Amino acid sequence: MNAVNNIELIDIIKAGENSRVEFKQDTIHQESLLQEIVAFANTEGGIIIFGIQDETFQIIGLTKKQLDDIDKKIANITNDLIKPFLQIITDTTLIDNKLLLIVTIPKGNNKPYNTKGAIYIRQGTTKRLVSDKDEILRLYQSSGNLYADEMIVENTSIQDVDLDKIKNYLTAQKKNISNIDERLLINLCVIKNEKLTLGGLLFFGNNPQQYKPVFLIKAVSFFGNSIGGKDYRECIDIQGTIPEMFDAGVRFFKNNLKHTQQDQNVNSPGILEIAPVAIEELLQNALVHRDYLRNSPIRLLIFDNRIEIISPGKLPNNLTVENIKLGNAVARNNLLVSYCSKIMIYSGLGSGITRSLEEQPNIEFNNDIDGEQFIVTIPRPEEKQ
């Protein structure tokens, strides 16, 4: 969070506390302050403003002694008690001739930050202790210190590898390797410590859903426009490897969307109402870039007025909707990116979104931070009367 000027600061104070703003009247217990700073760093960053009554938002101000005491505590915290090291900024300002201290905590680049081994995050206007293993892993993932697709899948073995898929993968790269042994699978990162990596399972496994049953696609074509509707044209679970789910997902859209003439000769084959390139690129993005630390499926939903592709996990590493529209990309799953770039349409250059928008300009993107999901919506053309 960038430093703010006094005009902005007054507006922030009037708006009250939120997930990125905390008020403190004066000095507080060091342990509590330590936890607040760690929580901000592990979430989206924020500011703590000292000299504000946190219930009424009234500007009380600090004495010089109070300011010095708080400053000393912050110095001790940053030097000794937060791991890994976190650089924070302190600044003072006068509003209505009252002294305030502003502590700016950045969104951490080396999460998770901890104090005495305890990890906190910011949730609304409060801090929360994190103890769930998957939530801690997601913090490591968000800072690029862990990749879910490189983690091993327990209870798997080399017997779970479909060697024909490996052969096809190598053939597509014009690599003529007759002997597919364990060493080759290790070099391909399919096997690690005699078990399959998640990426290896999802791309080359005999039956990925045997070990990861929710890493599939749930596809529903509804009558009407409500996800709560009970009537549907088709409802299927799409399973298999990522290439197999991609092919089946594309077929689901083509089978359930309309084909129209669109000013063509009446004898010409119909054109899909939504650009096939957009469907292919967006579906592949969902499979490759979803958050595989979230134990939930991808959803493909067709309504009368729109389609939706919903991926578990928000955009990674500070990416925004504006970023991805410009072709910026961050690989959340390095192995899957590598595998897909060899034998699927994926280029790895961040051009999938821009290419989709060129073919289908009315695509809507929603990076649902609270729901921890990424939603792509494409309106369907209205039927001509």
Protein backbone atom coordinates (compact mmCIF):
# COMPACT_ATOMS: atom_id res chain seq x y z
CA MET A 1 0.00 0.00 0.00
CA ASN A 2 1.55 3.30 -1.07
CA ALA A 3 2.09 6.25 1.25
CA VAL A 4 -0.89 8.61 1.42
CA ASN A 5 -1.15 12.38 1.63
CA ASN A 6 -3.19 14.20 4.28
CA ILE A 7 -6.27 14.67 2.08
CA GLU A 8 -6.36 10.96 1.31
CA LEU A 9 -5.70 10.18 4.96
CA ILE A 10 -8.72 12.19 6.11
CA ASP A 11 -10.92 10.29 3.65
CA ILE A 12 -9.50 6.97 4.89
CA ILE A 13 -10.21 7.91 8.51
CA LYS A 14 -13.79 8.96 7.68
CA ALA A 15 -14.42 5.64 5.90
CA GLY A 16 -13.41 3.63 8.97
CA GLU A 17 -11.57 0.35 9.40
CA ASN A 18 -11.57 -2.34 6.73
CA SER A 19 -9.41 -5.20 5.52
CA ARG A 20 -6.54 -2.80 4.75
CA VAL A 21 -6.95 -0.13 7.45
CA GLU A 22 -6.61 -0.42 11.24
CA PHE A 23 -6.92 2.36 13.85
CA LYS A 24 -5.13 2.48 17.20
CA GLN A 25 -5.61 5.21 19.79
CA ASP A 26 -2.16 4.97 21.32
CA THR A 27 0.44 2.41 22.34
CA ILE A 28 -0.64 -1.24 22.50
CA HIS A 29 0.78 -4.54 23.65
CA GLN A 30 3.74 -5.52 21.48
CA GLU A 31 2.41 -9.04 20.83
CA SER A 32 -0.88 -7.72 19.50
CA LEU A 33 0.88 -5.20 17.24
CA LEU A 34 3.19 -7.92 15.97
CA GLN A 35 0.23 -10.12 15.00
CA GLU A 36 -1.52 -7.23 13.24
CA ILE A 37 1.56 -6.50 11.09
CA VAL A 38 2.02 -10.17 10.17
CA ALA A 39 -1.68 -10.44 9.27
CA PHE A 40 -1.49 -7.46 6.89
CA ALA A 41 1.69 -8.77 5.23
CA ASN A 42 0.12 -12.20 4.67
CA THR A 43 -2.99 -10.70 3.07
CA GLU A 44 -3.13 -7.58 0.87
CA GLY A 45 -1.01 -5.21 2.93
CA GLY A 46 -2.41 -2.16 4.68
CA ILE A 47 -1.87 0.69 7.13
CA ILE A 48 -2.16 1.06 10.89
CA ILE A 49 -2.88 4.63 11.97
CA PHE A 50 -2.00 5.53 15.56
CA GLY A 51 -3.78 8.43 17.20
CA ILE A 52 -7.32 7.51 16.08
CA GLN A 53 -10.12 6.33 18.37
CA ASP A 54 -11.05 3.03 16.65
CA GLU A 55 -14.78 3.13 17.54
CA THR A 56 -15.65 6.74 16.81
CA PHE A 57 -12.88 7.42 14.24
CA GLN A 58 -12.11 10.59 16.20
CA ILE A 59 -8.62 12.04 15.74
CA ILE A 60 -7.06 12.00 19.24
CA GLY A 61 -3.39 12.41 18.36
CA LEU A 62 -0.26 11.17 20.11
CA THR A 63 2.16 12.69 22.56
CA LYS A 64 5.84 12.69 21.69
CA LYS A 65 6.43 9.99 24.32
CA GLN A 66 3.67 7.77 22.89
CA LEU A 67 5.10 8.18 19.42
CA ASP A 68 8.60 7.22 20.60
CA ASP A 69 7.28 4.15 22.46
CA ILE A 70 5.39 2.88 19.41
CA ASP A 71 8.32 3.56 17.12
CA LYS A 72 10.61 1.56 19.41
CA LYS A 73 8.22 -1.40 19.46
CA ILE A 74 7.97 -1.40 15.67
CA ALA A 75 11.77 -1.37 15.35
CA ASN A 76 12.01 -4.37 17.67
CA ILE A 77 9.32 -6.20 15.75
CA THR A 78 10.81 -5.73 12.32
CA ASN A 79 14.34 -6.60 13.42
CA ASP A 80 13.74 -9.62 15.63
CA LEU A 81 10.24 -11.04 15.72
CA ILE A 82 8.91 -11.37 12.15
CA LYS A 83 10.22 -14.15 9.93
CA PRO A 84 11.20 -13.84 7.14
CA PHE A 85 12.33 -10.22 7.25
CA LEU A 86 9.65 -7.67 6.36
CA GLN A 87 10.38 -4.05 5.44
CA ILE A 88 7.70 -1.68 6.76
CA ILE A 89 7.50 2.12 6.56
CA THR A 90 6.59 4.54 9.35
CA ASP A 91 5.67 8.16 8.85
CA THR A 92 4.26 10.99 10.96
CA THR A 93 1.83 13.72 10.04
CA LEU A 94 -0.21 16.48 11.65
CA ILE A 95 -3.97 16.74 11.14
CA ASP A 96 -5.78 19.52 13.03
CA ASN A 97 -2.46 20.05 14.83
CA LYS A 98 -2.65 16.49 16.20
CA LEU A 99 0.23 14.09 15.72
CA LEU A 100 -0.47 10.78 13.95
CA LEU A 101 1.80 7.84 13.19
CA ILE A 102 1.13 5.88 9.98
CA VAL A 103 2.62 2.40 9.71
CA THR A 104 2.53 1.09 6.14
CA ILE A 105 2.78 -2.69 5.74
CA PRO A 106 3.33 -4.00 2.20
CA LYS A 107 1.73 -7.07 0.74
CA GLY A 108 4.47 -9.57 1.42
CA ASN A 109 6.52 -11.06 -1.39
CA ASN A 110 7.82 -13.94 0.70
CA LYS A 111 4.74 -15.39 2.40
CA PRO A 112 3.92 -16.77 4.84
CA TYR A 113 5.26 -14.39 7.47
CA ASN A 114 5.10 -15.61 11.04
CA THR A 115 5.77 -14.61 14.60
CA LYS A 116 7.10 -17.32 16.90
CA GLY A 117 5.87 -19.82 14.32
CA ALA A 118 2.29 -18.47 14.33
CA ILE A 119 0.81 -17.30 11.01
CA TYR A 120 -1.96 -14.67 10.87
CA ILE A 121 -4.03 -13.22 8.04
CA ARG A 122 -6.34 -10.25 7.85
CA GLN A 123 -10.05 -11.05 7.51
CA GLY A 124 -12.30 -8.03 7.33
CA THR A 125 -11.38 -5.75 10.21
CA THR A 126 -9.75 -8.44 12.35
CA LYS A 127 -6.77 -10.79 12.28
CA ARG A 128 -7.12 -14.57 12.23
CA LEU A 129 -4.69 -17.32 13.17
CA VAL A 130 -4.06 -19.74 10.29
CA SER A 131 -3.70 -23.40 11.20
CA ASP A 132 -5.20 -25.22 8.22
CA LYS A 133 -2.46 -26.94 6.21
CA ASP A 134 -3.97 -26.17 2.80
CA GLU A 135 -4.37 -22.50 3.68
CA ILE A 136 -0.71 -22.30 4.71
CA LEU A 137 0.32 -24.00 1.47
CA ARG A 138 -1.66 -21.42 -0.50
CA LEU A 139 0.35 -18.66 1.19
CA TYR A 140 3.57 -20.34 0.06
CA GLN A 141 2.11 -20.70 -3.42
CA SER A 142 1.07 -17.04 -3.61
CA SER A 143 4.70 -15.93 -3.17
CA GLY A 144 6.10 -18.44 -5.68
CA ASN A 145 7.71 -20.58 -2.98
CA LEU A 146 5.63 -23.63 -3.81
CA TYR A 147 4.00 -25.08 -6.95
CA ALA A 148 1.09 -27.42 -6.38
CA ASP A 149 1.69 -29.40 -9.56
CA GLU A 150 5.22 -30.29 -8.43
CA MET A 151 4.00 -31.85 -5.16
CA ILE A 152 3.87 -35.65 -4.96
CA VAL A 153 0.56 -37.52 -4.78
CA GLU A 154 0.58 -40.03 -1.97
CA ASN A 155 -0.20 -43.72 -2.68
CA THR A 156 0.68 -43.38 -6.37
CA SER A 157 3.47 -45.26 -8.13
CA ILE A 158 4.99 -45.69 -11.57
CA GLN A 159 2.19 -48.19 -12.26
CA ASP A 160 -0.23 -45.25 -12.43
CA VAL A 161 1.56 -43.77 -15.47
CA ASP A 162 -0.03 -44.35 -18.88
CA LEU A 163 3.05 -45.07 -20.99
CA ASP A 164 1.13 -44.54 -24.24
CA LYS A 165 0.50 -40.94 -23.17
CA ILE A 166 4.21 -40.51 -22.50
CA LYS A 167 5.02 -41.92 -25.96
CA ASN A 168 2.54 -39.56 -27.64
CA TYR A 169 4.01 -36.64 -25.71
CA LEU A 170 7.53 -37.48 -26.86
CA THR A 171 6.44 -38.17 -30.43
CA ALA A 172 4.78 -34.76 -30.63
CA GLN A 173 8.21 -33.28 -29.87
CA LYS A 174 9.81 -35.55 -32.48
CA LYS A 175 11.79 -37.35 -29.80
CA ASN A 176 12.35 -40.96 -30.73
CA ILE A 177 12.89 -42.64 -27.36
CA SER A 178 12.14 -46.34 -27.38
CA ASN A 179 12.90 -47.12 -23.74
CA ILE A 180 10.63 -45.32 -21.29
CA ASP A 181 12.11 -46.05 -17.89
CA GLU A 182 11.93 -44.53 -14.43
CA ARG A 183 14.89 -42.24 -15.06
CA LEU A 184 13.13 -40.68 -18.05
CA LEU A 185 9.96 -40.15 -15.99
CA ILE A 186 12.02 -38.51 -13.27
CA ASN A 187 13.61 -36.19 -15.83
CA LEU A 188 10.15 -35.29 -17.14
CA CYS A 189 9.09 -34.54 -13.52
CA VAL A 190 6.33 -37.13 -13.83
CA ILE A 191 7.87 -39.13 -10.97
CA LYS A 192 9.48 -37.84 -7.79
CA ASN A 193 10.50 -40.04 -4.85
CA GLU A 194 8.88 -43.04 -6.57
CA LYS A 195 5.50 -41.30 -6.62
CA LEU A 196 3.70 -39.26 -9.28
CA THR A 197 3.80 -35.51 -9.11
CA LEU A 198 0.39 -33.88 -9.32
CA GLY A 199 1.28 -32.52 -12.77
CA GLY A 200 2.40 -35.98 -13.88
CA LEU A 201 -0.83 -37.54 -12.62
CA LEU A 202 -3.06 -34.91 -14.23
CA PHE A 203 -1.32 -35.14 -17.58
CA PHE A 204 -0.13 -38.74 -17.89
CA GLY A 205 -2.09 -40.71 -15.28
CA ASN A 206 -4.16 -43.80 -16.01
CA ASN A 207 -6.99 -42.51 -13.85
CA PRO A 208 -6.26 -39.12 -12.21
CA GLN A 209 -9.61 -38.94 -10.41
CA GLN A 210 -8.85 -42.16 -8.53
CA TYR A 211 -6.49 -40.10 -6.37
CA LYS A 212 -7.89 -36.61 -6.92
CA PRO A 213 -11.64 -37.14 -7.34
CA VAL A 214 -12.64 -33.46 -7.42
CA PHE A 215 -10.03 -32.40 -9.98
CA LEU A 216 -12.55 -32.70 -12.79
CA ILE A 217 -15.02 -30.55 -14.69
CA LYS A 218 -18.68 -30.31 -13.72
CA ALA A 219 -20.61 -29.23 -16.80
CA VAL A 220 -24.29 -28.24 -16.80
CA SER A 221 -26.51 -26.80 -19.51
CA PHE A 222 -29.52 -25.21 -17.77
CA PHE A 223 -32.97 -24.21 -18.95
CA GLY A 224 -33.27 -20.57 -17.91
CA ASN A 225 -30.71 -18.22 -16.38
CA SER A 226 -30.42 -19.33 -12.73
CA ILE A 227 -27.78 -21.62 -11.27
CA GLY A 228 -30.46 -22.68 -8.83
CA GLY A 229 -32.60 -24.06 -11.65
CA LYS A 230 -33.53 -27.73 -11.37
CA ASP A 231 -34.12 -28.31 -15.08
CA TYR A 232 -31.19 -28.87 -17.39
CA ARG A 233 -30.47 -30.15 -20.86
CA GLU A 234 -27.29 -31.94 -19.89
CA CYS A 235 -25.34 -32.46 -16.68
CA ILE A 236 -22.07 -34.39 -16.80
CA ASP A 237 -18.86 -34.92 -14.86
CA ILE A 238 -15.90 -34.72 -17.22
CA GLN A 239 -12.95 -36.80 -16.03
CA GLY A 240 -9.56 -37.92 -17.31
CA THR A 241 -6.27 -36.17 -17.92
CA ILE A 242 -6.10 -32.47 -18.72
CA PRO A 243 -5.93 -33.05 -22.52
CA GLU A 244 -8.88 -35.46 -22.28
CA MET A 245 -10.95 -33.07 -20.16
CA PHE A 246 -10.10 -30.23 -22.54
CA ASP A 247 -11.39 -32.18 -25.56
CA ALA A 248 -14.55 -33.27 -23.71
CA GLY A 249 -15.19 -29.74 -22.41
CA VAL A 250 -14.96 -28.26 -25.89
CA ARG A 251 -17.39 -30.94 -27.14
CA PHE A 252 -19.80 -30.08 -24.31
CA PHE A 253 -19.94 -26.45 -25.44
CA LYS A 254 -20.27 -27.34 -29.12
CA ASN A 255 -23.05 -29.84 -28.40
CA ASN A 256 -25.05 -27.44 -26.22
CA LEU A 257 -24.58 -24.11 -27.97
CA LYS A 258 -26.34 -23.10 -31.16
CA HIS A 259 -24.91 -23.11 -34.66
CA THR A 260 -26.28 -20.38 -36.92
CA GLN A 261 -25.82 -19.32 -40.53
CA GLN A 262 -24.67 -15.76 -39.65
CA ASP A 263 -25.06 -14.30 -43.17
CA GLN A 264 -23.60 -17.40 -44.79
CA ASN A 265 -25.06 -19.33 -47.67
CA VAL A 266 -27.92 -21.54 -46.46
CA ASN A 267 -25.99 -24.62 -47.54
CA SER A 268 -22.91 -23.69 -45.50
CA PRO A 269 -22.30 -25.39 -42.15
CA GLY A 270 -23.50 -23.37 -39.16
CA ILE A 271 -21.15 -21.20 -37.12
CA LEU A 272 -21.01 -21.64 -33.35
CA GLU A 273 -22.75 -18.72 -31.61
CA ILE A 274 -19.64 -18.11 -29.43
CA ALA A 275 -16.21 -18.05 -31.04
CA PRO A 276 -14.60 -21.53 -30.78
CA VAL A 277 -11.16 -19.93 -30.30
CA ALA A 278 -12.42 -18.13 -27.20
CA ILE A 279 -13.93 -21.31 -25.77
CA GLU A 280 -10.74 -23.29 -26.38
CA GLU A 281 -8.38 -20.66 -24.97
CA LEU A 282 -10.48 -19.94 -21.89
CA LEU A 283 -11.09 -23.61 -21.09
CA GLN A 284 -7.41 -24.41 -21.44
CA ASN A 285 -6.53 -21.46 -19.19
CA ALA A 286 -8.93 -22.81 -16.57
CA LEU A 287 -7.30 -26.25 -16.64
CA VAL A 288 -3.71 -25.00 -16.66
CA HIS A 289 -3.91 -22.00 -14.33
CA ARG A 290 -6.49 -23.03 -11.75
CA ASP A 291 -5.44 -23.32 -8.09
CA TYR A 292 -4.79 -27.01 -7.47
CA LEU A 293 -4.47 -26.41 -3.74
CA ARG A 294 -8.23 -25.84 -3.70
CA ASN A 295 -10.13 -29.08 -3.50
CA SER A 296 -12.92 -28.22 -5.93
CA PRO A 297 -13.81 -28.75 -9.60
CA ILE A 298 -13.85 -26.44 -12.59
CA ARG A 299 -17.42 -25.59 -13.59
CA LEU A 300 -18.76 -25.05 -17.11
CA LEU A 301 -22.24 -23.56 -17.02
CA ILE A 302 -24.53 -22.79 -19.95
CA PHE A 303 -27.59 -20.62 -19.39
CA ASP A 304 -30.08 -19.24 -21.89
CA ASN A 305 -28.40 -15.82 -21.80
CA ARG A 306 -24.72 -16.62 -21.06
CA ILE A 307 -22.02 -19.18 -20.46
CA GLU A 308 -19.66 -19.26 -17.47
CA ILE A 309 -16.28 -20.90 -16.90
CA ILE A 310 -15.45 -20.91 -13.19
CA SER A 311 -11.95 -21.81 -11.98
CA PRO A 312 -10.97 -22.42 -8.34
CA GLY A 313 -8.61 -19.73 -7.09
CA LYS A 314 -8.25 -16.02 -7.73
CA LEU A 315 -5.60 -14.63 -10.08
CA PRO A 316 -2.09 -15.33 -8.73
CA ASN A 317 0.80 -13.05 -7.75
CA ASN A 318 -0.86 -9.62 -7.94
CA LEU A 319 -2.28 -10.18 -11.42
CA THR A 320 -5.40 -8.18 -12.18
CA VAL A 321 -8.06 -8.41 -14.86
CA GLU A 322 -6.48 -5.38 -16.54
CA ASN A 323 -3.07 -7.14 -16.54
CA ILE A 324 -4.29 -10.30 -18.23
CA LYS A 325 -6.19 -8.37 -20.88
CA LEU A 326 -2.84 -6.85 -21.86
CA GLY A 327 -1.24 -10.29 -22.19
CA ASN A 328 0.52 -10.45 -18.82
CA ALA A 329 0.78 -13.91 -17.32
CA VAL A 330 2.18 -15.63 -14.24
CA ALA A 331 2.54 -19.40 -14.20
CA ARG A 332 0.93 -20.89 -11.10
CA ASN A 333 1.57 -24.45 -12.32
CA ASN A 334 4.95 -24.69 -14.01
CA LEU A 335 4.77 -28.38 -14.93
CA LEU A 336 1.34 -28.10 -16.51
CA VAL A 337 2.44 -25.04 -18.46
CA SER A 338 5.43 -26.99 -19.77
CA TYR A 339 3.43 -30.09 -20.68
CA CYS A 340 0.61 -28.17 -22.34
CA SER A 341 2.94 -25.99 -24.38
CA LYS A 342 4.33 -29.12 -26.05
CA ILE A 343 1.14 -30.81 -27.27
CA MET A 344 -1.84 -28.49 -26.77
CA ILE A 345 -2.79 -25.07 -28.14
CA TYR A 346 -1.26 -23.38 -25.09
CA SER A 347 1.61 -21.08 -26.06
CA GLY A 348 2.75 -19.97 -22.62
CA LEU A 349 3.13 -16.39 -23.86
CA GLY A 350 0.10 -14.94 -22.09
CA SER A 351 -1.64 -14.43 -25.42
CA GLY A 352 -4.66 -16.66 -24.77
CA ILE A 353 -6.79 -13.95 -23.17
CA THR A 354 -5.96 -11.33 -25.80
CA ARG A 355 -6.64 -13.82 -28.59
CA SER A 356 -9.98 -14.71 -26.98
CA LEU A 357 -10.95 -11.04 -26.77
CA GLU A 358 -10.03 -10.49 -30.41
CA GLU A 359 -12.44 -13.25 -31.41
CA GLN A 360 -15.07 -12.55 -28.73
CA PRO A 361 -14.85 -8.93 -27.47
CA ASN A 362 -17.77 -9.17 -25.00
CA ILE A 363 -16.02 -11.53 -22.56
CA GLU A 364 -16.39 -10.47 -18.91
CA PHE A 365 -13.78 -11.39 -16.26
CA ASN A 366 -14.41 -11.41 -12.51
CA ASN A 367 -11.49 -12.03 -10.16
CA ASP A 368 -13.62 -13.00 -7.16
CA ILE A 369 -11.18 -12.43 -4.29
CA ASP A 370 -13.66 -13.16 -1.51
CA GLY A 371 -14.95 -16.33 -3.16
CA GLU A 372 -11.42 -17.37 -4.20
CA GLN A 373 -12.46 -18.10 -7.78
CA PHE A 374 -12.03 -16.68 -11.27
CA ILE A 375 -15.19 -16.35 -13.32
CA VAL A 376 -15.36 -15.87 -17.08
CA THR A 377 -18.75 -14.90 -18.49
CA ILE A 378 -19.72 -14.63 -22.15
CA PRO A 379 -23.20 -13.35 -23.04
CA ARG A 380 -25.05 -15.45 -25.61
CA PRO A 381 -26.55 -13.67 -28.62
CA GLU A 382 -30.20 -12.79 -28.29
CA GLU A 383 -32.46 -14.73 -30.59
CA LYS A 384 -33.91 -12.73 -33.43
CA GLN A 385 -37.69 -12.59 -33.40
